[in-house]
């Protein structure tokens, strides 16, 4: 569990913001959301397949963007 020490003369809002950032980086909320409902094996395969396609599209876009901008240098 992420911990945040409240510094001297530090507002609680800034410490809460740091805590939220650490919790998000630790992946606690995504894990909670993932385990909120039971997921059948078929649903799990479908979700992983969709994530794989999304990642592949993102990498292709980044490669094409880098290739088009490499000629500018």
N, C-alpha and C. Protein backbone atom coordinates (compact mmCIF):
# COMPACT_ATOMS: atom_id res chain seq x y z
N UNK A 1 0.84 -1.18 0.00
CA UNK A 1 0.00 0.00 0.00
C UNK A 1 0.88 1.23 0.00
N UNK A 2 0.69 2.13 -0.95
CA UNK A 2 1.49 3.36 -1.00
C UNK A 2 1.24 4.24 0.22
N UNK A 3 2.29 4.86 0.68
CA UNK A 3 2.18 5.76 1.82
C UNK A 3 2.77 7.10 1.44
N UNK A 4 2.17 8.14 2.00
CA UNK A 4 2.65 9.50 1.76
C UNK A 4 2.79 10.18 3.11
N UNK A 5 3.96 10.69 3.39
CA UNK A 5 4.19 11.43 4.64
C UNK A 5 3.84 12.89 4.42
N UNK A 6 3.05 13.43 5.31
CA UNK A 6 2.65 14.83 5.21
C UNK A 6 3.80 15.70 5.71
N UNK A 7 4.31 16.53 4.81
CA UNK A 7 5.43 17.39 5.17
C UNK A 7 5.00 18.56 6.04
N UNK A 8 5.96 19.19 6.64
CA UNK A 8 5.66 20.34 7.49
C UNK A 8 5.18 21.50 6.61
N UNK A 9 4.13 22.16 7.02
CA UNK A 9 3.50 23.27 6.28
C UNK A 9 3.01 22.83 4.91
N UNK A 10 2.64 21.56 4.75
CA UNK A 10 2.11 21.07 3.48
C UNK A 10 0.60 20.92 3.61
N UNK A 11 -0.10 21.38 2.60
CA UNK A 11 -1.55 21.26 2.60
C UNK A 11 -1.96 19.82 2.36
N UNK A 12 -3.09 19.47 2.93
CA UNK A 12 -3.59 18.10 2.79
C UNK A 12 -3.95 17.80 1.34
N UNK A 13 -4.37 18.82 0.58
CA UNK A 13 -4.74 18.61 -0.82
C UNK A 13 -3.55 18.14 -1.65
N UNK A 14 -2.38 18.73 -1.41
CA UNK A 14 -1.21 18.33 -2.18
C UNK A 14 -0.75 16.92 -1.79
N UNK A 15 -0.87 16.58 -0.50
CA UNK A 15 -0.51 15.23 -0.06
C UNK A 15 -1.50 14.21 -0.64
N UNK A 16 -2.76 14.57 -0.70
CA UNK A 16 -3.76 13.69 -1.28
C UNK A 16 -3.52 13.48 -2.76
N UNK A 17 -3.11 14.55 -3.44
CA UNK A 17 -2.78 14.45 -4.87
C UNK A 17 -1.59 13.50 -5.08
N UNK A 18 -0.57 13.61 -4.23
CA UNK A 18 0.59 12.71 -4.32
C UNK A 18 0.18 11.27 -4.05
N UNK A 19 -0.71 11.08 -3.04
CA UNK A 19 -1.17 9.74 -2.72
C UNK A 19 -1.94 9.12 -3.88
N UNK A 20 -2.82 9.89 -4.49
CA UNK A 20 -3.58 9.40 -5.64
C UNK A 20 -2.66 9.01 -6.79
N UNK A 21 -1.62 9.80 -7.02
CA UNK A 21 -0.67 9.50 -8.08
C UNK A 21 0.07 8.19 -7.79
N UNK A 22 0.48 7.99 -6.54
CA UNK A 22 1.19 6.76 -6.18
C UNK A 22 0.28 5.54 -6.30
N UNK A 23 -0.98 5.68 -5.89
CA UNK A 23 -1.93 4.58 -6.00
C UNK A 23 -2.17 4.24 -7.46
N UNK A 24 -2.26 5.26 -8.29
CA UNK A 24 -2.48 5.04 -9.71
C UNK A 24 -1.26 4.34 -10.34
N UNK A 25 -0.07 4.75 -9.98
CA UNK A 25 1.14 4.14 -10.51
C UNK A 25 1.30 2.70 -10.04
N UNK A 26 0.81 2.40 -8.84
CA UNK A 26 0.90 1.04 -8.31
C UNK A 26 -0.10 0.11 -8.97
N UNK A 27 -1.10 0.68 -9.64
CA UNK A 27 -2.08 -0.13 -10.35
C UNK A 27 -3.15 -0.72 -9.46
N UNK A 28 -3.40 -0.10 -8.33
CA UNK A 28 -4.37 -0.64 -7.39
C UNK A 28 -5.80 -0.49 -7.93
N UNK A 29 -6.13 0.66 -8.50
CA UNK A 29 -7.48 0.87 -9.00
C UNK A 29 -7.79 -0.04 -10.18
N UNK A 30 -6.85 -0.23 -11.07
CA UNK A 30 -7.10 -1.10 -12.21
C UNK A 30 -7.29 -2.54 -11.74
N UNK A 31 -6.55 -2.95 -10.72
CA UNK A 31 -6.71 -4.28 -10.18
C UNK A 31 -8.08 -4.43 -9.51
N UNK A 32 -8.52 -3.41 -8.80
CA UNK A 32 -9.84 -3.46 -8.16
C UNK A 32 -10.94 -3.56 -9.22
N UNK A 33 -10.84 -2.77 -10.26
CA UNK A 33 -11.84 -2.79 -11.31
C UNK A 33 -11.86 -4.14 -12.02
N UNK A 34 -10.67 -4.71 -12.22
CA UNK A 34 -10.58 -5.99 -12.92
C UNK A 34 -11.23 -7.09 -12.10
N UNK A 35 -11.09 -7.07 -10.79
CA UNK A 35 -11.61 -8.12 -9.92
C UNK A 35 -13.00 -7.81 -9.37
N UNK A 36 -13.62 -6.75 -9.84
CA UNK A 36 -14.94 -6.38 -9.32
C UNK A 36 -16.00 -7.41 -9.69
N UNK A 37 -15.95 -7.93 -10.91
CA UNK A 37 -16.91 -8.92 -11.39
C UNK A 37 -16.16 -10.14 -11.91
N UNK A 38 -16.82 -11.28 -11.84
CA UNK A 38 -16.21 -12.49 -12.36
C UNK A 38 -16.16 -12.40 -13.88
N UNK A 39 -15.03 -12.79 -14.44
CA UNK A 39 -14.83 -12.75 -15.88
C UNK A 39 -14.64 -14.18 -16.38
N UNK A 40 -15.50 -14.59 -17.30
CA UNK A 40 -15.38 -15.94 -17.85
C UNK A 40 -14.12 -16.04 -18.69
N UNK A 41 -13.63 -17.24 -18.92
CA UNK A 41 -12.43 -17.39 -19.76
C UNK A 41 -12.62 -16.81 -21.16
N UNK A 42 -13.83 -16.92 -21.72
CA UNK A 42 -14.07 -16.37 -23.05
C UNK A 42 -13.99 -14.84 -23.01
N UNK A 43 -14.52 -14.23 -21.97
CA UNK A 43 -14.44 -12.77 -21.84
C UNK A 43 -13.00 -12.33 -21.65
N UNK A 44 -12.24 -13.11 -20.91
CA UNK A 44 -10.84 -12.78 -20.67
C UNK A 44 -10.04 -12.83 -21.97
N UNK A 45 -10.27 -13.87 -22.78
CA UNK A 45 -9.59 -13.98 -24.07
C UNK A 45 -9.96 -12.81 -24.98
N UNK A 46 -11.24 -12.45 -25.00
CA UNK A 46 -11.70 -11.35 -25.84
C UNK A 46 -11.06 -10.03 -25.41
N UNK A 47 -11.00 -9.80 -24.10
CA UNK A 47 -10.40 -8.56 -23.59
C UNK A 47 -8.91 -8.49 -23.94
N UNK A 48 -8.20 -9.61 -23.78
CA UNK A 48 -6.78 -9.62 -24.09
C UNK A 48 -6.54 -9.43 -25.58
N UNK A 49 -7.39 -10.03 -26.40
CA UNK A 49 -7.26 -9.87 -27.86
C UNK A 49 -7.49 -8.41 -28.26
N UNK A 50 -8.49 -7.78 -27.66
CA UNK A 50 -8.75 -6.37 -27.96
C UNK A 50 -7.59 -5.50 -27.51
N UNK A 51 -7.00 -5.78 -26.37
CA UNK A 51 -5.85 -5.02 -25.89
C UNK A 51 -4.66 -5.20 -26.82
N UNK A 52 -4.48 -6.41 -27.34
CA UNK A 52 -3.37 -6.67 -28.25
C UNK A 52 -3.53 -5.87 -29.54
N UNK A 53 -4.76 -5.85 -30.07
CA UNK A 53 -5.01 -5.08 -31.30
C UNK A 53 -4.83 -3.58 -31.06
N UNK A 54 -5.29 -3.11 -29.91
CA UNK A 54 -5.15 -1.69 -29.59
C UNK A 54 -3.67 -1.31 -29.49
N UNK A 55 -2.87 -2.16 -28.86
CA UNK A 55 -1.45 -1.89 -28.72
C UNK A 55 -0.75 -1.93 -30.08
N UNK A 56 -1.15 -2.87 -30.92
CA UNK A 56 -0.55 -2.98 -32.25
C UNK A 56 -0.86 -1.73 -33.07
N UNK A 57 -2.10 -1.25 -33.01
CA UNK A 57 -2.46 -0.02 -33.74
C UNK A 57 -1.66 1.17 -33.23
N UNK A 58 -1.48 1.24 -31.92
CA UNK A 58 -0.73 2.35 -31.32
C UNK A 58 0.73 2.32 -31.79
N UNK A 59 1.34 1.14 -31.83
CA UNK A 59 2.73 1.02 -32.27
C UNK A 59 2.86 1.36 -33.76
N UNK A 60 1.91 0.93 -34.57
CA UNK A 60 1.96 1.25 -35.99
C UNK A 60 1.84 2.75 -36.21
N UNK A 61 0.96 3.40 -35.46
CA UNK A 61 0.80 4.85 -35.60
C UNK A 61 2.09 5.56 -35.19
N UNK A 62 2.69 5.12 -34.09
CA UNK A 62 3.92 5.76 -33.63
C UNK A 62 5.05 5.58 -34.63
N UNK A 63 5.15 4.38 -35.22
CA UNK A 63 6.20 4.15 -36.22
C UNK A 63 6.00 5.03 -37.44
N UNK A 64 4.75 5.14 -37.90
CA UNK A 64 4.50 5.97 -39.08
C UNK A 64 4.73 7.44 -38.77
N UNK A 65 4.40 7.87 -37.55
CA UNK A 65 4.60 9.26 -37.15
C UNK A 65 6.09 9.58 -37.08
N UNK A 66 6.87 8.66 -36.51
CA UNK A 66 8.31 8.87 -36.42
C UNK A 66 8.96 8.87 -37.79
N UNK A 67 8.51 8.00 -38.67
CA UNK A 67 9.08 7.92 -40.01
C UNK A 67 8.79 9.20 -40.79
N UNK A 68 7.61 9.75 -40.64
CA UNK A 68 7.27 10.97 -41.38
C UNK A 68 8.02 12.17 -40.81
N UNK A 69 8.29 12.18 -39.52
CA UNK A 69 9.01 13.30 -38.91
C UNK A 69 10.52 13.16 -39.00
N UNK A 70 11.02 11.99 -39.30
CA UNK A 70 12.47 11.79 -39.41
C UNK A 70 13.03 12.52 -40.62
N UNK A 71 12.23 12.69 -41.64
CA UNK A 71 12.69 13.39 -42.84
C UNK A 71 12.82 14.89 -42.60
N UNK A 72 12.21 15.41 -41.53
CA UNK A 72 12.29 16.85 -41.23
C UNK A 72 13.62 17.26 -40.63
N UNK A 73 14.39 16.30 -40.16
CA UNK A 73 15.66 16.63 -39.49
C UNK A 73 16.80 16.69 -40.45
